């Protein structure tokens, strides 16, 4: 074989290699690890802390955010944190009777940047409706909003205060479903055993027990965090929840406010897409509170941190002081 033929053969081999290389990459897929009993393994500690909120802020016009705007959001957040942590100027001392401010951002964990899915920054957790807003059915929302506001003003009985303040469940919808990010304690620990999946929610130390391939409890049983039954569809855990507790109807937090009626049906999907990420998707079907279904998705990212006990307990000194202060005001 002369040099010319050798060069041609080398070029053919190179061409075949170059053409087949992308096909090899396209054919590669993540192999989901399995538990000792054969179910896809979702276990570990995960976080959904992110600057991306449930509803799309007005400054964003689409679901996908370009890198420039994502960097702006990250910078503005840092500036906000710096301002919060420097309430007083150097050498300045608090003035008697002045506002001393809330706790600093050392206690907060709401994320430092918008989350990404498939390499694209997202402006909202909501993916449908396409405007990124809740499809509220306005009748009923006003009444519920007044009710939640009353919880923070009414102080003649401890059980009339908000659920988060009473240490019953976490603020907002942190425990879910759907599981939404809040100002801090955005961590979750997933533990699996044959027939069950448990999600420990760091916010208020709630534990969701998901029964696999089971029947729902009677409709008369309204559990905190609802009644959740799951099944596996391939490598995806599909969880349906209904029979929500009536006192959890209005879920209010700084970063979201939603209604979940007792008869709402919520479907969640947990798919492990990498060693360090679970894709979390959900759909809320609630005819009483919304004009349409609404859907969302967000990543749960692996965390090396531990889940610490949220040491909240009903009957703490703050509750006693709130009630005592209200009695003192009544005497005046």
Protein backbone atom coordinates (compact mmCIF):
# COMPACT_ATOMS: atom_id res chain seq x y z
CA UNK A 1 0.00 0.00 0.00
CA UNK A 2 1.53 3.32 -1.07
CA UNK A 3 1.60 6.49 1.02
CA UNK A 4 -1.39 7.94 -0.84
CA UNK A 5 -3.64 5.01 -0.01
CA UNK A 6 -2.49 5.07 3.63
CA UNK A 7 -3.39 8.76 3.91
CA UNK A 8 -6.83 8.13 2.42
CA UNK A 9 -7.49 5.25 4.82
CA UNK A 10 -6.39 7.36 7.79
CA UNK A 11 -8.74 10.14 6.69
CA UNK A 12 -11.62 7.66 6.34
CA UNK A 13 -10.94 6.31 9.85
CA UNK A 14 -10.79 9.83 11.26
CA UNK A 15 -14.04 10.78 9.50
CA UNK A 16 -15.83 7.67 10.81
CA UNK A 17 -14.57 8.39 14.35
CA UNK A 18 -15.72 12.03 14.23
CA UNK A 19 -19.15 11.10 12.91
CA UNK A 20 -19.71 8.32 15.43
CA UNK A 21 -18.47 10.28 18.49
CA UNK A 22 -21.61 12.47 18.83
CA UNK A 23 -23.76 9.35 18.45
CA UNK A 24 -21.94 7.77 21.37
CA UNK A 25 -22.60 10.88 23.47
CA UNK A 26 -26.26 10.97 22.50
CA UNK A 27 -26.57 7.32 23.41
CA UNK A 28 -25.16 7.83 26.88
CA UNK A 29 -27.69 8.15 29.71
CA UNK A 30 -27.49 8.45 33.46
CA UNK A 31 -27.73 5.10 35.23
CA UNK A 32 -29.88 5.59 38.30
CA UNK A 33 -28.52 3.77 41.37
CA UNK A 34 -30.78 1.26 43.10
CA UNK A 35 -31.51 0.51 46.74
CA UNK A 36 -30.75 -2.93 48.17
CA UNK A 37 -34.42 -3.85 47.56
CA UNK A 38 -34.33 -2.73 43.90
CA UNK A 39 -36.11 0.65 43.85
CA UNK A 40 -34.45 3.68 42.21
CA UNK A 41 -32.38 5.37 44.92
CA UNK A 42 -33.47 8.92 45.83
CA UNK A 43 -31.88 8.84 49.27
CA UNK A 44 -29.73 11.63 50.60
CA UNK A 45 -29.94 15.24 51.69
CA UNK A 46 -31.21 17.72 49.13
CA UNK A 47 -31.87 21.46 48.94
CA UNK A 48 -34.18 23.62 46.83
CA UNK A 49 -32.70 26.93 48.00
CA UNK A 50 -32.74 29.34 45.04
CA UNK A 51 -33.48 32.93 44.06
CA UNK A 52 -36.12 31.53 41.70
CA UNK A 53 -39.54 31.96 43.31
CA UNK A 54 -42.88 30.26 42.70
CA UNK A 55 -44.37 33.05 40.56
CA UNK A 56 -42.51 34.97 37.88
CA UNK A 57 -41.48 38.51 38.92
CA UNK A 58 -42.76 41.25 36.62
CA UNK A 59 -39.25 42.15 35.46
CA UNK A 60 -38.99 38.82 33.63
CA UNK A 61 -41.04 38.31 30.48
CA UNK A 62 -40.36 34.61 29.86
CA UNK A 63 -39.57 31.39 31.69
CA UNK A 64 -35.96 31.29 30.47
CA UNK A 65 -33.58 33.95 31.80
CA UNK A 66 -30.41 34.89 29.95
CA UNK A 67 -27.05 34.71 31.70
CA UNK A 68 -26.72 38.50 31.98
CA UNK A 69 -30.01 38.89 33.87
CA UNK A 70 -29.16 35.89 36.05
CA UNK A 71 -25.86 37.52 37.03
CA UNK A 72 -27.69 40.78 37.78
CA UNK A 73 -30.06 38.92 40.12
CA UNK A 74 -27.10 37.31 41.86
CA UNK A 75 -25.31 40.66 42.30
CA UNK A 76 -28.42 42.44 43.60
CA UNK A 77 -28.95 39.69 46.14
CA UNK A 78 -25.40 40.05 47.41
CA UNK A 79 -25.90 43.81 47.74
CA UNK A 80 -29.10 43.20 49.69
CA UNK A 81 -27.35 40.78 52.02
CA UNK A 82 -24.47 43.19 52.59
CA UNK A 83 -26.96 45.96 53.44
CA UNK A 84 -28.87 43.72 55.85
CA UNK A 85 -25.71 42.66 57.64
CA UNK A 86 -24.49 46.25 58.02
CA UNK A 87 -27.51 47.83 59.65
CA UNK A 88 -25.38 50.39 61.50
CA UNK A 89 -22.55 52.48 60.11
CA UNK A 90 -19.07 51.81 61.53
CA UNK A 91 -18.86 53.38 65.01
CA UNK A 92 -22.61 54.00 65.16
CA UNK A 93 -24.54 52.71 68.18
CA UNK A 94 -28.26 51.83 68.37
CA UNK A 95 -30.51 54.65 69.54
CA UNK A 96 -32.90 54.09 72.42
CA UNK A 97 -36.38 53.26 71.13
CA UNK A 98 -35.23 52.88 67.51
CA UNK A 99 -35.76 49.84 65.30
CA UNK A 100 -32.94 47.39 65.98
CA UNK A 101 -33.76 45.40 62.85
CA UNK A 102 -34.49 41.71 62.43
CA UNK A 103 -31.99 38.88 62.58
CA UNK A 104 -29.22 39.13 60.04
CA UNK A 105 -28.77 37.00 56.94
CA UNK A 106 -26.61 34.45 58.77
CA UNK A 107 -29.95 32.87 59.63
CA UNK A 108 -31.25 32.92 56.05
CA UNK A 109 -30.66 30.39 53.29
CA UNK A 110 -32.76 31.44 50.31
CA UNK A 111 -30.05 30.81 47.73
CA UNK A 112 -27.59 32.97 45.85
CA UNK A 113 -28.69 32.51 42.22
CA UNK A 114 -31.55 31.45 39.98
CA UNK A 115 -31.78 27.70 39.52
CA UNK A 116 -31.01 26.01 36.20
CA UNK A 117 -32.67 23.14 34.37
CA UNK A 118 -30.90 21.73 31.32
CA UNK A 119 -28.39 24.57 31.61
CA UNK A 120 -31.07 27.29 31.38
CA UNK A 121 -31.81 29.78 34.15
CA UNK A 122 -35.46 29.90 35.21
CA UNK A 123 -37.49 32.94 36.22
CA UNK A 124 -40.20 30.97 38.07
CA UNK A 125 -40.97 27.57 39.46
CA UNK A 126 -44.32 27.70 37.68
CA UNK A 127 -44.11 26.39 34.11
CA UNK A 128 -47.86 26.48 33.41
CA UNK A 129 -49.71 28.81 32.97
CA UNK A 130 -47.15 30.24 30.61
CA UNK A 131 -47.22 33.70 32.26
CA UNK A 132 -45.71 32.13 35.39
CA UNK A 133 -48.59 33.32 37.60
CA UNK A 134 -51.08 31.41 39.72
CA UNK A 135 -54.47 31.14 37.95
CA UNK A 136 -56.31 32.41 41.03
CA UNK A 137 -60.06 32.11 41.36
CA UNK A 138 -60.54 35.42 43.15
CA UNK A 139 -63.72 34.44 44.95
CA UNK A 140 -62.52 33.01 48.24
CA UNK A 141 -58.96 34.35 48.12
CA UNK A 142 -59.92 37.61 49.86
CA UNK A 143 -61.66 35.76 52.68
CA UNK A 144 -58.69 33.47 53.23
CA UNK A 145 -56.24 36.39 53.15
CA UNK A 146 -58.23 38.19 55.84
CA UNK A 147 -58.23 35.02 57.90
CA UNK A 148 -54.45 34.60 57.75
CA UNK A 149 -53.92 38.28 58.62
CA UNK A 150 -56.16 37.84 61.65
CA UNK A 151 -53.91 34.99 62.87
CA UNK A 152 -51.05 37.43 63.36
CA UNK A 153 -53.21 40.00 65.19
CA UNK A 154 -55.58 37.88 67.24
CA UNK A 155 -54.09 36.96 70.60
CA UNK A 156 -56.86 35.58 72.78
CA UNK A 157 -56.11 31.88 72.20
CA UNK A 158 -52.91 30.04 71.20
CA UNK A 159 -54.70 27.80 68.69
CA UNK A 160 -55.85 30.84 66.70
CA UNK A 161 -52.29 31.79 65.83
CA UNK A 162 -50.63 30.65 62.57
CA UNK A 163 -49.53 27.02 62.12
CA UNK A 164 -45.88 27.97 61.65
CA UNK A 165 -45.88 30.08 64.79
CA UNK A 166 -47.51 27.21 66.67
CA UNK A 167 -44.85 24.79 65.38
CA UNK A 168 -47.40 22.50 63.73
CA UNK A 169 -46.06 22.59 60.14
CA UNK A 170 -43.50 24.76 58.37
CA UNK A 171 -44.20 28.21 57.00
CA UNK A 172 -45.77 28.44 53.56
CA UNK A 173 -45.72 25.17 51.61
CA UNK A 174 -42.19 24.14 52.55
CA UNK A 175 -43.37 20.67 53.60
CA UNK A 176 -45.69 20.45 50.63
CA UNK A 177 -47.14 19.24 48.59
CA UNK A 178 -45.99 21.00 46.51
CA UNK A 179 -42.65 21.45 48.30
CA UNK A 180 -41.68 25.11 47.78
CA UNK A 181 -38.60 27.06 48.84
CA UNK A 182 -38.83 29.61 51.64
CA UNK A 183 -36.50 32.02 53.41
CA UNK A 184 -34.42 29.38 55.22
CA UNK A 185 -34.32 25.67 56.16
CA UNK A 186 -34.73 24.63 52.52
CA UNK A 187 -33.29 21.16 53.11
CA UNK A 188 -34.87 17.72 52.78
CA UNK A 189 -33.68 14.24 53.66
CA UNK A 190 -35.14 11.29 51.71
CA UNK A 191 -35.07 7.82 53.29
CA UNK A 192 -36.47 4.71 51.57
CA UNK A 193 -37.55 1.30 52.81
CA UNK A 194 -39.60 -1.44 51.13
CA UNK A 195 -43.06 0.02 50.52
CA UNK A 196 -42.31 3.52 51.86
CA UNK A 197 -40.53 6.79 51.08
CA UNK A 198 -40.00 9.28 53.89
CA UNK A 199 -39.14 12.94 53.29
CA UNK A 200 -37.84 14.76 56.35
CA UNK A 201 -38.48 18.48 55.90
CA UNK A 202 -35.97 20.64 57.75
CA UNK A 203 -38.46 23.49 58.14
CA UNK A 204 -40.26 22.63 61.38
CA UNK A 205 -39.00 19.05 61.23
CA UNK A 206 -42.04 17.68 59.39
CA UNK A 207 -41.92 14.11 58.08
CA UNK A 208 -43.89 13.10 54.99
CA UNK A 209 -44.62 9.38 54.88
CA UNK A 210 -45.42 8.22 51.33
CA UNK A 211 -46.97 4.75 51.07
CA UNK A 212 -46.15 2.90 47.86
CA UNK A 213 -48.75 0.95 45.86
CA UNK A 214 -51.31 1.54 48.59
CA UNK A 215 -54.91 2.72 48.92
CA UNK A 216 -55.82 6.20 50.17
CA UNK A 217 -57.18 6.63 53.65
CA UNK A 218 -60.91 7.45 54.03
CA UNK A 219 -61.80 10.99 52.92
CA UNK A 220 -62.72 11.84 56.51
CA UNK A 221 -59.04 11.57 57.51
CA UNK A 222 -57.39 14.95 56.86
CA UNK A 223 -53.70 14.64 57.72
CA UNK A 224 -51.10 17.37 58.04
CA UNK A 225 -49.30 17.49 54.65
CA UNK A 226 -52.17 15.47 53.15
CA UNK A 227 -52.44 11.76 52.37
CA UNK A 228 -49.69 10.71 49.94
CA UNK A 229 -49.59 7.47 47.93
CA UNK A 230 -46.77 6.75 45.47
CA UNK A 231 -45.79 4.37 42.70
CA UNK A 232 -42.79 3.89 40.44
CA UNK A 233 -43.01 4.66 36.74
CA UNK A 234 -39.63 3.49 35.53
CA UNK A 235 -37.07 5.55 37.44
CA UNK A 236 -39.62 8.22 38.43
CA UNK A 237 -41.44 8.25 41.76
CA UNK A 238 -44.99 9.49 41.11
CA UNK A 239 -46.84 10.68 44.23
CA UNK A 240 -50.50 11.67 44.40
CA UNK A 241 -51.76 13.54 47.47
CA UNK A 242 -55.31 14.42 48.49
CA UNK A 243 -57.45 14.94 51.64
CA UNK A 244 -55.54 18.00 52.78
CA UNK A 245 -55.95 19.34 56.31
CA UNK A 246 -58.43 22.28 56.40
CA UNK A 247 -56.14 24.38 58.60
CA UNK A 248 -53.45 24.19 55.90
CA UNK A 249 -55.68 25.75 53.26
CA UNK A 250 -53.90 29.11 53.14
CA UNK A 251 -50.12 28.67 53.08
CA UNK A 252 -48.36 31.96 53.55
CA UNK A 253 -44.63 32.68 53.46
CA UNK A 254 -42.55 35.67 52.43
CA UNK A 255 -41.79 34.10 49.04
CA UNK A 256 -45.18 32.59 48.17
CA UNK A 257 -48.83 32.50 49.17
CA UNK A 258 -51.03 29.68 47.89
CA UNK A 259 -54.41 28.09 48.56
CA UNK A 260 -54.76 24.31 48.74
CA UNK A 261 -58.35 23.18 49.27
CA UNK A 262 -59.25 19.97 51.08
CA UNK A 263 -60.34 18.38 47.80
CA UNK A 264 -57.26 19.36 45.78
CA UNK A 265 -55.31 16.61 44.04
CA UNK A 266 -51.57 17.18 43.72
CA UNK A 267 -49.29 14.98 41.64
CA UNK A 268 -45.51 15.08 42.16
CA UNK A 269 -42.75 13.43 40.18
CA UNK A 270 -39.24 12.77 41.54
CA UNK A 271 -36.66 11.76 38.93
CA UNK A 272 -32.98 11.38 39.75
CA UNK A 273 -31.13 12.82 36.75
CA UNK A 274 -27.59 12.87 38.19
CA UNK A 275 -25.71 11.85 41.32
CA UNK A 276 -26.20 15.38 42.63
CA UNK A 277 -29.66 16.28 41.31
CA UNK A 278 -33.32 15.21 41.42
CA UNK A 279 -35.78 16.83 39.02
CA UNK A 280 -38.89 17.68 41.06
CA UNK A 281 -42.10 18.33 39.10
CA UNK A 282 -45.67 18.85 40.29
CA UNK A 283 -49.20 19.59 39.14
CA UNK A 284 -51.94 21.14 41.29
CA UNK A 285 -55.56 20.40 40.40
CA UNK A 286 -57.83 22.47 42.66
CA UNK A 287 -61.10 23.68 41.10
CA UNK A 288 -62.15 25.50 44.27
CA UNK A 289 -59.15 27.82 44.42
CA UNK A 290 -57.94 28.05 40.80
CA UNK A 291 -59.40 28.59 37.32
CA UNK A 292 -57.00 26.07 35.83
CA UNK A 293 -54.42 23.49 36.85
CA UNK A 294 -50.95 24.86 37.51
CA UNK A 295 -47.61 23.12 37.13
CA UNK A 296 -44.06 23.67 38.21
CA UNK A 297 -40.60 22.16 38.36
CA UNK A 298 -37.33 22.75 40.11
CA UNK A 299 -34.12 20.88 40.88
CA UNK A 300 -33.36 19.33 44.24
CA UNK A 301 -29.58 19.55 44.53
CA UNK A 302 -27.46 17.26 46.67
CA UNK A 303 -26.15 18.78 49.89
CA UNK A 304 -23.30 17.62 52.07
CA UNK A 305 -24.89 19.32 55.07
CA UNK A 306 -26.84 17.49 57.77
CA UNK A 307 -30.49 17.95 58.64
CA UNK A 308 -30.56 19.53 62.08
CA UNK A 309 -33.58 19.54 64.32
CA UNK A 310 -35.77 22.58 63.87
CA UNK A 311 -36.09 23.24 67.59
CA UNK A 312 -39.52 24.81 67.47
CA UNK A 313 -42.02 23.81 70.13
CA UNK A 314 -45.51 24.97 70.93
CA UNK A 315 -45.76 26.71 74.27
CA UNK A 316 -42.44 28.53 74.02
CA UNK A 317 -41.91 31.81 75.86
CA UNK A 318 -42.72 33.91 72.80
CA UNK A 319 -46.27 32.54 72.66
CA UNK A 320 -46.77 33.23 76.36
CA UNK A 321 -45.47 36.77 75.91
CA UNK A 322 -47.77 37.41 72.93
CA UNK A 323 -50.83 36.38 74.91
CA UNK A 324 -49.73 38.23 78.05
CA UNK A 325 -49.00 41.38 76.08
CA UNK A 326 -52.47 41.28 74.53
CA UNK A 327 -54.07 40.97 78.00
CA UNK A 328 -52.04 43.98 79.17
CA UNK A 329 -53.25 46.03 76.18
CA UNK A 330 -56.86 45.07 76.96
CA UNK A 331 -56.49 46.41 80.52
CA UNK A 332 -55.42 49.78 79.14
